[in-house]
C-alpha atoms as a PDB file:
ATOM      1  CA  UNK A   1      76.651 -31.638 -28.269  1.00  0.00           C
ATOM      2  CA  UNK A   2      74.281 -31.014 -25.344  1.00  0.00           C
ATOM      3  CA  UNK A   3      75.682 -29.402 -22.201  1.00  0.00           C
ATOM      4  CA  UNK A   4      73.836 -28.471 -19.022  1.00  0.00           C
ATOM      5  CA  UNK A   5      75.701 -25.933 -16.910  1.00  0.00           C
ATOM      6  CA  UNK A   6      74.917 -26.645 -13.260  1.00  0.00           C
ATOM      7  CA  UNK A   7      76.013 -23.655 -11.173  1.00  0.00           C
ATOM      8  CA  UNK A   8      76.367 -24.375  -7.436  1.00  0.00           C
ATOM      9  CA  UNK A   9      76.481 -21.453  -5.004  1.00  0.00           C
ATOM     10  CA  UNK A  10      77.863 -22.639  -1.670  1.00  0.00           C
ATOM     11  CA  UNK A  11      78.811 -19.427   0.138  1.00  0.00           C
ATOM     12  CA  UNK A  12      77.949 -15.827   0.978  1.00  0.00           C
ATOM     13  CA  UNK A  13      80.849 -14.564  -1.153  1.00  0.00           C
ATOM     14  CA  UNK A  14      79.834 -16.827  -4.025  1.00  0.00           C
ATOM     15  CA  UNK A  15      76.365 -15.282  -4.145  1.00  0.00           C
ATOM     16  CA  UNK A  16      77.594 -11.737  -3.529  1.00  0.00           C
ATOM     17  CA  UNK A  17      80.204 -11.611  -6.280  1.00  0.00           C
ATOM     18  CA  UNK A  18      80.698 -14.961  -8.012  1.00  0.00           C
ATOM     19  CA  UNK A  19      77.201 -15.580  -9.312  1.00  0.00           C
ATOM     20  CA  UNK A  20      76.717 -12.029 -10.656  1.00  0.00           C
ATOM     21  CA  UNK A  21      79.985 -12.382 -12.612  1.00  0.00           C
ATOM     22  CA  UNK A  22      78.837 -15.717 -14.021  1.00  0.00           C
ATOM     23  CA  UNK A  23      75.446 -14.257 -14.947  1.00  0.00           C
ATOM     24  CA  UNK A  24      77.252 -11.484 -16.834  1.00  0.00           C
ATOM     25  CA  UNK A  25      79.366 -14.034 -18.731  1.00  0.00           C
ATOM     26  CA  UNK A  26      76.380 -16.245 -19.548  1.00  0.00           C
ATOM     27  CA  UNK A  27      74.254 -13.277 -20.580  1.00  0.00           C
ATOM     28  CA  UNK A  28      76.814 -12.008 -23.070  1.00  0.00           C
ATOM     29  CA  UNK A  29      76.845 -15.427 -24.734  1.00  0.00           C
ATOM     30  CA  UNK A  30      73.095 -16.070 -24.317  1.00  0.00           C
ATOM     31  CA  UNK A  31      73.803 -19.318 -22.476  1.00  0.00           C
ATOM     32  CA  UNK A  32      71.125 -20.616 -20.056  1.00  0.00           C
ATOM     33  CA  UNK A  33      72.143 -22.341 -16.826  1.00  0.00           C
ATOM     34  CA  UNK A  34      70.628 -24.197 -13.893  1.00  0.00           C
ATOM     35  CA  UNK A  35      71.585 -22.418 -10.661  1.00  0.00           C
ATOM     36  CA  UNK A  36      71.366 -24.015  -7.203  1.00  0.00           C
ATOM     37  CA  UNK A  37      71.854 -21.880  -4.106  1.00  0.00           C
ATOM     38  CA  UNK A  38      72.516 -22.812  -0.480  1.00  0.00           C
ATOM     39  CA  UNK A  39      69.595 -21.100   1.238  1.00  0.00           C
ATOM     40  CA  UNK A  40      70.852 -20.837   4.810  1.00  0.00           C
ATOM     41  CA  UNK A  41      73.959 -19.717   6.719  1.00  0.00           C
ATOM     42  CA  UNK A  42      77.527 -19.821   5.453  1.00  0.00           C
ATOM     43  CA  UNK A  43      79.423 -22.093   7.848  1.00  0.00           C
ATOM     44  CA  UNK A  44      82.362 -22.723   5.511  1.00  0.00           C
ATOM     45  CA  UNK A  45      84.913 -22.456   8.317  1.00  0.00           C
ATOM     46  CA  UNK A  46      83.579 -25.654   9.858  1.00  0.00           C
ATOM     47  CA  UNK A  47      84.984 -27.589   6.905  1.00  0.00           C
ATOM     48  CA  UNK A  48      88.288 -27.551   8.805  1.00  0.00           C
ATOM     49  CA  UNK A  49      87.060 -30.731  10.500  1.00  0.00           C
ATOM     50  CA  UNK A  50      87.650 -32.525   7.188  1.00  0.00           C
ATOM     51  CA  UNK A  51      91.378 -32.370   7.903  1.00  0.00           C
ATOM     52  CA  UNK A  52      90.694 -35.239  10.287  1.00  0.00           C
ATOM     53  CA  UNK A  53      87.854 -37.024   8.474  1.00  0.00           C
ATOM     54  CA  UNK A  54      88.599 -36.738   4.721  1.00  0.00           C
ATOM     55  CA  UNK A  55      91.757 -38.351   3.409  1.00  0.00           C
ATOM     56  CA  UNK A  56      93.597 -36.011   1.066  1.00  0.00           C
ATOM     57  CA  UNK A  57      91.677 -32.878   2.147  1.00  0.00           C
ATOM     58  CA  UNK A  58      94.777 -30.885   3.110  1.00  0.00           C
ATOM     59  CA  UNK A  59      96.557 -31.835  -0.125  1.00  0.00           C
ATOM     60  CA  UNK A  60      93.549 -30.880  -2.213  1.00  0.00           C
ATOM     61  CA  UNK A  61      93.233 -27.512  -0.443  1.00  0.00           C
ATOM     62  CA  UNK A  62      96.918 -26.778  -1.024  1.00  0.00           C
ATOM     63  CA  UNK A  63      96.987 -27.798  -4.685  1.00  0.00           C
ATOM     64  CA  UNK A  64      93.768 -25.970  -5.576  1.00  0.00           C
ATOM     65  CA  UNK A  65      94.942 -22.875  -3.657  1.00  0.00           C
ATOM     66  CA  UNK A  66      91.731 -22.789  -1.637  1.00  0.00           C
ATOM     67  CA  UNK A  67      92.632 -19.551   0.144  1.00  0.00           C
ATOM     68  CA  UNK A  68      92.861 -17.816  -3.238  1.00  0.00           C
ATOM     69  CA  UNK A  69      89.549 -19.329  -4.343  1.00  0.00           C
ATOM     70  CA  UNK A  70      87.489 -18.704  -1.225  1.00  0.00           C
ATOM     71  CA  UNK A  71      89.198 -15.903   0.723  1.00  0.00           C
ATOM     72  CA  UNK A  72      90.041 -15.588   4.412  1.00  0.00           C
ATOM     73  CA  UNK A  73      86.635 -14.432   5.671  1.00  0.00           C
ATOM     74  CA  UNK A  74      84.797 -17.326   4.041  1.00  0.00           C
ATOM     75  CA  UNK A  75      87.185 -19.804   5.644  1.00  0.00           C
ATOM     76  CA  UNK A  76      86.397 -18.331   9.086  1.00  0.00           C
ATOM     77  CA  UNK A  77      82.591 -18.233   8.818  1.00  0.00           C
ATOM     78  CA  UNK A  78      80.941 -20.437  11.411  1.00  0.00           C
ATOM     79  CA  UNK A  79      84.036 -20.549  13.624  1.00  0.00           C
ATOM     80  CA  UNK A  80      85.822 -17.295  14.434  1.00  0.00           C
ATOM     81  CA  UNK A  81      83.239 -15.269  12.479  1.00  0.00           C
ATOM     82  CA  UNK A  82      79.448 -15.690  12.615  1.00  0.00           C
ATOM     83  CA  UNK A  83      78.001 -17.348   9.543  1.00  0.00           C
ATOM     84  CA  UNK A  84      76.001 -14.819   7.490  1.00  0.00           C
ATOM     85  CA  UNK A  85      72.789 -15.803   5.736  1.00  0.00           C
ATOM     86  CA  UNK A  86      73.429 -16.521   2.070  1.00  0.00           C
ATOM     87  CA  UNK A  87      70.177 -16.299   0.084  1.00  0.00           C
ATOM     88  CA  UNK A  88      68.435 -13.781   2.357  1.00  0.00           C
ATOM     89  CA  UNK A  89      71.405 -11.421   2.112  1.00  0.00           C
ATOM     90  CA  UNK A  90      71.124 -11.102  -1.683  1.00  0.00           C
ATOM     91  CA  UNK A  91      67.508 -11.780  -2.745  1.00  0.00           C
ATOM     92  CA  UNK A  92      67.889  -9.536  -5.779  1.00  0.00           C
ATOM     93  CA  UNK A  93      70.605 -11.801  -7.197  1.00  0.00           C
ATOM     94  CA  UNK A  94      68.202 -14.759  -7.052  1.00  0.00           C
ATOM     95  CA  UNK A  95      65.498 -12.715  -8.732  1.00  0.00           C
ATOM     96  CA  UNK A  96      67.969 -11.520 -11.365  1.00  0.00           C
ATOM     97  CA  UNK A  97      68.866 -15.106 -12.265  1.00  0.00           C
ATOM     98  CA  UNK A  98      65.187 -15.934 -12.782  1.00  0.00           C
ATOM     99  CA  UNK A  99      64.513 -12.729 -14.728  1.00  0.00           C
ATOM    100  CA  UNK A 100      67.398 -13.503 -17.091  1.00  0.00           C
ATOM    101  CA  UNK A 101      65.952 -16.902 -17.951  1.00  0.00           C
ATOM    102  CA  UNK A 102      68.034 -19.200 -15.768  1.00  0.00           C
ATOM    103  CA  UNK A 103      66.613 -22.070 -13.784  1.00  0.00           C
ATOM    104  CA  UNK A 104      66.822 -21.570 -10.014  1.00  0.00           C
ATOM    105  CA  UNK A 105      66.907 -24.460  -7.550  1.00  0.00           C
ATOM    106  CA  UNK A 106      67.954 -25.386  -4.033  1.00  0.00           C
ATOM    107  CA  UNK A 107      71.457 -26.415  -2.933  1.00  0.00           C
ATOM    108  CA  UNK A 108      70.496 -27.350   0.612  1.00  0.00           C
ATOM    109  CA  UNK A 109      70.173 -25.069   3.617  1.00  0.00           C
ATOM    110  CA  UNK A 110      73.409 -25.340   5.636  1.00  0.00           C
ATOM    111  CA  UNK A 111      75.874 -26.549   3.001  1.00  0.00           C
ATOM    112  CA  UNK A 112      78.560 -27.756   5.411  1.00  0.00           C
ATOM    113  CA  UNK A 113      76.094 -29.532   7.711  1.00  0.00           C
ATOM    114  CA  UNK A 114      74.538 -31.461   4.804  1.00  0.00           C
ATOM    115  CA  UNK A 115      77.868 -32.226   3.136  1.00  0.00           C
ATOM    116  CA  UNK A 116      79.466 -33.629   6.278  1.00  0.00           C
ATOM    117  CA  UNK A 117      76.534 -35.285   8.036  1.00  0.00           C
ATOM    118  CA  UNK A 118      73.667 -36.226   5.710  1.00  0.00           C
ATOM    119  CA  UNK A 119      74.729 -39.870   5.378  1.00  0.00           C
ATOM    120  CA  UNK A 120      74.204 -40.311   9.136  1.00  0.00           C
ATOM    121  CA  UNK A 121      71.078 -38.155   9.626  1.00  0.00           C
ATOM    122  CA  UNK A 122      67.624 -39.535  10.322  1.00  0.00           C
ATOM    123  CA  UNK A 123      64.805 -38.752   7.887  1.00  0.00           C
ATOM    124  CA  UNK A 124      63.307 -36.147  10.232  1.00  0.00           C
ATOM    125  CA  UNK A 125      66.597 -34.256  10.435  1.00  0.00           C
ATOM    126  CA  UNK A 126      67.001 -34.287   6.653  1.00  0.00           C
ATOM    127  CA  UNK A 127      63.393 -33.151   6.201  1.00  0.00           C
ATOM    128  CA  UNK A 128      63.985 -30.217   8.560  1.00  0.00           C
ATOM    129  CA  UNK A 129      66.950 -29.063   6.458  1.00  0.00           C
ATOM    130  CA  UNK A 130      64.943 -29.310   3.242  1.00  0.00           C
ATOM    131  CA  UNK A 131      61.924 -27.554   4.720  1.00  0.00           C
ATOM    132  CA  UNK A 132      64.044 -24.626   5.908  1.00  0.00           C
ATOM    133  CA  UNK A 133      65.626 -24.304   2.475  1.00  0.00           C
ATOM    134  CA  UNK A 134      62.307 -24.459   0.622  1.00  0.00           C
ATOM    135  CA  UNK A 135      60.773 -21.861   2.962  1.00  0.00           C
ATOM    136  CA  UNK A 136      63.552 -19.373   2.150  1.00  0.00           C
ATOM    137  CA  UNK A 137      63.223 -20.088  -1.588  1.00  0.00           C
ATOM    138  CA  UNK A 138      59.462 -19.476  -1.470  1.00  0.00           C
ATOM    139  CA  UNK A 139      59.889 -16.221   0.467  1.00  0.00           C
ATOM    140  CA  UNK A 140      62.320 -14.830  -2.100  1.00  0.00           C
ATOM    141  CA  UNK A 141      61.129 -16.287  -5.400  1.00  0.00           C
ATOM    142  CA  UNK A 142      57.414 -16.660  -4.654  1.00  0.00           C
ATOM    143  CA  UNK A 143      57.024 -20.258  -5.812  1.00  0.00           C
ATOM    144  CA  UNK A 144      58.317 -23.761  -5.178  1.00  0.00           C
ATOM    145  CA  UNK A 145      61.644 -24.958  -6.595  1.00  0.00           C
ATOM    146  CA  UNK A 146      61.681 -27.791  -9.118  1.00  0.00           C
ATOM    147  CA  UNK A 147      65.271 -28.945  -8.720  1.00  0.00           C
ATOM    148  CA  UNK A 148      67.479 -29.950  -5.814  1.00  0.00           C
ATOM    149  CA  UNK A 149      71.257 -30.387  -5.928  1.00  0.00           C
ATOM    150  CA  UNK A 150      72.813 -32.024  -2.875  1.00  0.00           C
ATOM    151  CA  UNK A 151      75.792 -30.218  -1.321  1.00  0.00           C
ATOM    152  CA  UNK A 152      79.024 -32.053  -2.028  1.00  0.00           C
ATOM    153  CA  UNK A 153      77.217 -34.733  -4.055  1.00  0.00           C
ATOM    154  CA  UNK A 154      76.159 -36.395  -0.795  1.00  0.00           C
ATOM    155  CA  UNK A 155      72.995 -38.532  -0.705  1.00  0.00           C
ATOM    156  CA  UNK A 156      71.400 -41.061   1.617  1.00  0.00           C
ATOM    157  CA  UNK A 157      68.327 -43.249   1.832  1.00  0.00           C
ATOM    158  CA  UNK A 158      66.784 -40.627   4.117  1.00  0.00           C
ATOM    159  CA  UNK A 159      67.406 -37.851   1.588  1.00  0.00           C
ATOM    160  CA  UNK A 160      65.676 -39.889  -1.143  1.00  0.00           C
ATOM    161  CA  UNK A 161      62.626 -40.349   1.084  1.00  0.00           C
ATOM    162  CA  UNK A 162      62.477 -36.634   1.864  1.00  0.00           C
ATOM    163  CA  UNK A 163      62.954 -35.538  -1.752  1.00  0.00           C
ATOM    164  CA  UNK A 164      60.079 -37.740  -2.830  1.00  0.00           C
ATOM    165  CA  UNK A 165      57.736 -35.753  -0.548  1.00  0.00           C
ATOM    166  CA  UNK A 166      58.042 -32.770  -2.881  1.00  0.00           C
ATOM    167  CA  UNK A 167      57.951 -30.033  -3.954  1.00  0.00           C
ATOM    168  CA  UNK A 168      60.896 -31.139  -6.083  1.00  0.00           C
ATOM    169  CA  UNK A 169      60.378 -32.880  -9.416  1.00  0.00           C
ATOM    170  CA  UNK A 170      63.999 -34.007  -9.947  1.00  0.00           C
ATOM    171  CA  UNK A 171      67.415 -33.866  -8.339  1.00  0.00           C
ATOM    172  CA  UNK A 172      71.018 -33.614  -9.516  1.00  0.00           C
ATOM    173  CA  UNK A 173      72.968 -34.939  -6.561  1.00  0.00           C
ATOM    174  CA  UNK A 174      75.358 -37.643  -7.741  1.00  0.00           C
ATOM    175  CA  UNK A 175      78.183 -38.305 -10.175  1.00  0.00           C
ATOM    176  CA  UNK A 176      77.413 -40.568 -13.080  1.00  0.00           C
ATOM    177  CA  UNK A 177      76.849 -40.904 -16.810  1.00  0.00           C
ATOM    178  CA  UNK A 178      73.106 -40.739 -17.543  1.00  0.00           C
ATOM    179  CA  UNK A 179      69.699 -39.968 -15.928  1.00  0.00           C
ATOM    180  CA  UNK A 180      68.269 -42.707 -13.715  1.00  0.00           C
ATOM    181  CA  UNK A 181      66.258 -43.383 -10.583  1.00  0.00           C
ATOM    182  CA  UNK A 182      68.487 -43.999  -7.566  1.00  0.00           C
ATOM    183  CA  UNK A 183      68.337 -46.787  -5.008  1.00  0.00           C
ATOM    184  CA  UNK A 184      70.121 -46.497  -1.656  1.00  0.00           C
ATOM    185  CA  UNK A 185      69.950 -49.116   1.115  1.00  0.00           C
ATOM    186  CA  UNK A 186      66.759 -50.581  -0.280  1.00  0.00           C
ATOM    187  CA  UNK A 187      65.047 -47.208  -0.766  1.00  0.00           C
ATOM    188  CA  UNK A 188      64.085 -46.645  -4.396  1.00  0.00           C
ATOM    189  CA  UNK A 189      63.710 -42.986  -5.323  1.00  0.00           C
ATOM    190  CA  UNK A 190      60.632 -41.935  -7.246  1.00  0.00           C
ATOM    191  CA  UNK A 191      62.192 -38.819  -8.807  1.00  0.00           C
ATOM    192  CA  UNK A 192      64.700 -38.789 -11.660  1.00  0.00           C
ATOM    193  CA  UNK A 193      68.338 -38.112 -10.838  1.00  0.00           C
ATOM    194  CA  UNK A 194      70.412 -36.255 -13.454  1.00  0.00           C
ATOM    195  CA  UNK A 195      74.048 -36.721 -12.414  1.00  0.00           C
ATOM    196  CA  UNK A 196      77.094 -34.572 -12.993  1.00  0.00           C
ATOM    197  CA  UNK A 197      79.059 -36.267 -15.775  1.00  0.00           C
ATOM    198  CA  UNK A 198      82.204 -34.134 -16.107  1.00  0.00           C
ATOM    199  CA  UNK A 199      85.064 -33.358 -13.699  1.00  0.00           C
ATOM    200  CA  UNK A 200      84.854 -30.071 -11.807  1.00  0.00           C
ATOM    201  CA  UNK A 201      87.508 -27.412 -12.253  1.00  0.00           C
ATOM    202  CA  UNK A 202      88.496 -27.386  -8.569  1.00  0.00           C
ATOM    203  CA  UNK A 203      89.071 -31.163  -8.746  1.00  0.00           C
ATOM    204  CA  UNK A 204      91.447 -30.803 -11.672  1.00  0.00           C
ATOM    205  CA  UNK A 205      93.291 -28.012  -9.880  1.00  0.00           C
ATOM    206  CA  UNK A 206      93.425 -30.328  -6.872  1.00  0.00           C
ATOM    207  CA  UNK A 207      95.398 -32.769  -9.015  1.00  0.00           C
ATOM    208  CA  UNK A 208      98.029 -30.075  -9.510  1.00  0.00           C
ATOM    209  CA  UNK A 209      96.980 -29.081 -13.032  1.00  0.00           C
ATOM    210  CA  UNK A 210      97.420 -25.561 -14.331  1.00  0.00           C
ATOM    211  CA  UNK A 211      94.255 -23.691 -15.266  1.00  0.00           C
ATOM    212  CA  UNK A 212      95.065 -24.107 -18.972  1.00  0.00           C
ATOM    213  CA  UNK A 213      95.509 -27.847 -18.613  1.00  0.00           C
ATOM    214  CA  UNK A 214      92.336 -28.086 -16.530  1.00  0.00           C
ATOM    215  CA  UNK A 215      90.324 -26.328 -19.251  1.00  0.00           C
ATOM    216  CA  UNK A 216      91.722 -28.762 -21.831  1.00  0.00           C
ATOM    217  CA  UNK A 217      90.737 -31.712 -19.631  1.00  0.00           C
ATOM    218  CA  UNK A 218      87.224 -30.389 -19.078  1.00  0.00           C
ATOM    219  CA  UNK A 219      86.728 -29.904 -22.809  1.00  0.00           C
ATOM    220  CA  UNK A 220      87.977 -33.434 -23.544  1.00  0.00           C
ATOM    221  CA  UNK A 221      85.538 -34.872 -20.989  1.00  0.00           C
ATOM    222  CA  UNK A 222      82.520 -33.636 -22.943  1.00  0.00           C
ATOM    223  CA  UNK A 223      80.874 -36.280 -25.111  1.00  0.00           C
ATOM    224  CA  UNK A 224      78.846 -35.789 -28.286  1.00  0.00           C
ATOM    225  CA  UNK A 225      76.819 -38.944 -27.628  1.00  0.00           C
ATOM    226  CA  UNK A 226      75.235 -38.105 -24.263  1.00  0.00           C
ATOM    227  CA  UNK A 227      73.939 -35.312 -22.089  1.00  0.00           C
ATOM    228  CA  UNK A 228      76.909 -33.587 -20.449  1.00  0.00           C
ATOM    229  CA  UNK A 229      76.301 -32.077 -17.017  1.00  0.00           C
ATOM    230  CA  UNK A 230      79.110 -29.728 -16.036  1.00  0.00           C
ATOM    231  CA  UNK A 231      79.115 -28.423 -12.462  1.00  0.00           C
ATOM    232  CA  UNK A 232      80.453 -24.891 -12.019  1.00  0.00           C
ATOM    233  CA  UNK A 233      81.064 -23.292  -8.621  1.00  0.00           C
ATOM    234  CA  UNK A 234      80.313 -19.597  -8.178  1.00  0.00           C
ATOM    235  CA  UNK A 235      83.270 -19.321  -5.791  1.00  0.00           C
ATOM    236  CA  UNK A 236      85.727 -20.842  -8.291  1.00  0.00           C
ATOM    237  CA  UNK A 237      84.680 -20.067 -11.872  1.00  0.00           C
ATOM    238  CA  UNK A 238      82.992 -16.860 -10.709  1.00  0.00           C
ATOM    239  CA  UNK A 239      86.113 -15.834  -8.801  1.00  0.00           C
ATOM    240  CA  UNK A 240      89.807 -16.500  -9.311  1.00  0.00           C
ATOM    241  CA  UNK A 241      89.165 -18.928 -12.197  1.00  0.00           C
ATOM    242  CA  UNK A 242      86.786 -16.682 -14.120  1.00  0.00           C
ATOM    243  CA  UNK A 243      89.191 -16.375 -17.054  1.00  0.00           C
ATOM    244  CA  UNK A 244      89.513 -20.159 -17.324  1.00  0.00           C
ATOM    245  CA  UNK A 245      85.722 -20.545 -17.354  1.00  0.00           C
ATOM    246  CA  UNK A 246      85.364 -17.856 -20.012  1.00  0.00           C
ATOM    247  CA  UNK A 247      87.931 -19.641 -22.150  1.00  0.00           C
ATOM    248  CA  UNK A 248      86.038 -22.932 -21.851  1.00  0.00           C
ATOM    249  CA  UNK A 249      82.731 -21.278 -22.740  1.00  0.00           C
ATOM    250  CA  UNK A 250      84.202 -19.604 -25.805  1.00  0.00           C
ATOM    251  CA  UNK A 251      85.729 -22.862 -27.017  1.00  0.00           C
ATOM    252  CA  UNK A 252      82.605 -24.998 -26.768  1.00  0.00           C
ATOM    253  CA  UNK A 253      79.952 -22.350 -27.469  1.00  0.00           C
ATOM    254  CA  UNK A 254      79.908 -22.617 -31.305  1.00  0.00           C
ATOM    255  CA  UNK A 255      79.157 -26.369 -31.343  1.00  0.00           C
ATOM    256  CA  UNK A 256      77.060 -26.744 -28.192  1.00  0.00           C
ATOM    257  CA  UNK A 257      73.349 -26.779 -27.430  1.00  0.00           C
ATOM    258  CA  UNK A 258      73.058 -25.528 -23.857  1.00  0.00           C
ATOM    259  CA  UNK A 259      70.105 -26.960 -21.942  1.00  0.00           C
ATOM    260  CA  UNK A 260      68.613 -26.609 -18.481  1.00  0.00           C
ATOM    261  CA  UNK A 261      68.140 -29.554 -16.165  1.00  0.00           C
ATOM    262  CA  UNK A 262      64.460 -28.826 -15.532  1.00  0.00           C
ATOM    263  CA  UNK A 263      63.794 -29.174 -19.270  1.00  0.00           C
ATOM    264  CA  UNK A 264      65.687 -32.465 -19.359  1.00  0.00           C
ATOM    265  CA  UNK A 265      63.692 -33.704 -16.360  1.00  0.00           C
ATOM    266  CA  UNK A 266      60.345 -32.722 -17.874  1.00  0.00           C
ATOM    267  CA  UNK A 267      61.160 -34.657 -21.058  1.00  0.00           C
ATOM    268  CA  UNK A 268      62.126 -37.880 -19.280  1.00  0.00           C
ATOM    269  CA  UNK A 269      59.822 -40.882 -19.191  1.00  0.00           C
ATOM    270  CA  UNK A 270      60.401 -41.519 -15.494  1.00  0.00           C
ATOM    271  CA  UNK A 271      58.615 -44.876 -15.518  1.00  0.00           C
ATOM    272  CA  UNK A 272      61.133 -46.179 -18.057  1.00  0.00           C
ATOM    273  CA  UNK A 273      64.261 -44.880 -16.358  1.00  0.00           C
ATOM    274  CA  UNK A 274      66.584 -47.598 -15.050  1.00  0.00           C
ATOM    275  CA  UNK A 275      66.773 -47.974 -11.268  1.00  0.00           C
ATOM    276  CA  UNK A 276      70.473 -47.980 -10.385  1.00  0.00           C
ATOM    277  CA  UNK A 277      72.171 -48.248  -6.980  1.00  0.00           C
ATOM    278  CA  UNK A 278      74.073 -45.288  -5.564  1.00  0.00           C
ATOM    279  CA  UNK A 279      77.462 -46.021  -4.029  1.00  0.00           C
ATOM    280  CA  UNK A 280      80.075 -43.907  -2.269  1.00  0.00           C
ATOM    281  CA  UNK A 281      83.106 -43.519  -4.496  1.00  0.00           C
ATOM    282  CA  UNK A 282      86.140 -41.334  -4.984  1.00  0.00           C
ATOM    283  CA  UNK A 283      86.903 -38.824  -7.707  1.00  0.00           C
ATOM    284  CA  UNK A 284      90.426 -37.746  -8.734  1.00  0.00           C
ATOM    285  CA  UNK A 285      91.291 -34.452  -7.080  1.00  0.00           C
ATOM    286  CA  UNK A 286      88.447 -34.592  -4.539  1.00  0.00           C
ATOM    287  CA  UNK A 287      88.953 -35.433  -0.880  1.00  0.00           C
ATOM    288  CA  UNK A 288      86.694 -38.025   0.722  1.00  0.00           C
ATOM    289  CA  UNK A 289      83.897 -39.730  -1.194  1.00  0.00           C
ATOM    290  CA  UNK A 290      80.864 -38.652  -3.183  1.00  0.00           C
ATOM    291  CA  UNK A 291      77.614 -40.379  -4.080  1.00  0.00           C
ATOM    292  CA  UNK A 292      77.990 -42.065  -7.459  1.00  0.00           C
ATOM    293  CA  UNK A 293      75.770 -43.866  -9.931  1.00  0.00           C
ATOM    294  CA  UNK A 294      76.923 -47.489  -9.918  1.00  0.00           C
ATOM    295  CA  UNK A 295      78.099 -48.400 -13.416  1.00  0.00           C
END
């Protein structure tokens, strides 16, 4: 069974403490991962607006015990507290991930801004966000990133246009079942998209599951017959749900070939990938909609 662990780092706290804990866990098991970091400020507190714009947001926050997962300070950044820089505050953590053999990519610049507004932004506004993120990545890592993972699995025609400019060679920004080239509102992306295929732990907790039941469900979602892309959040699996993540890793480790998304992308024959529309759809346990491969 092939599994790609896609680690998203959305917040200051996630990079400060969550990612180092995950790197420790992965290192002990010699498991490689693909890590995507929000390069700009932590404005997590501004997500409060989703109470009015995302159906089910309050219920999901309550069931997943968001305060336990993210902490009080994180939930005030960008509102009552200034939003600290994420990547620039902990450059050594980024360099550690690279030194330990993990892939490092970009998870946007301002995570909340992209998540909540990208579908309505013009191409120039999207390009500005990407350029800021890439500039920070280059300053810290010393090279261009290969992979881009959209915050909140949110894509648009404008984001496809901007991604095709480079320097990225692939993206992992939707939910789906297999690699493809995306089409949104008549715009056909040139780069391959490698979607997340499995449910995320915070979504299962948002359904009211216990951590033990959520781990069982995540394991059952993995398929021997396809590439499995499992998204892990540094704030969740690297924090309060660290034990649950460790349990999942130990269960699947003996029978799993862990791969990195950049290696999958390099092996794809992009010209032969199917072009498939991207639609906005719902996922159990997640408030609002996400960009999904139409199947």
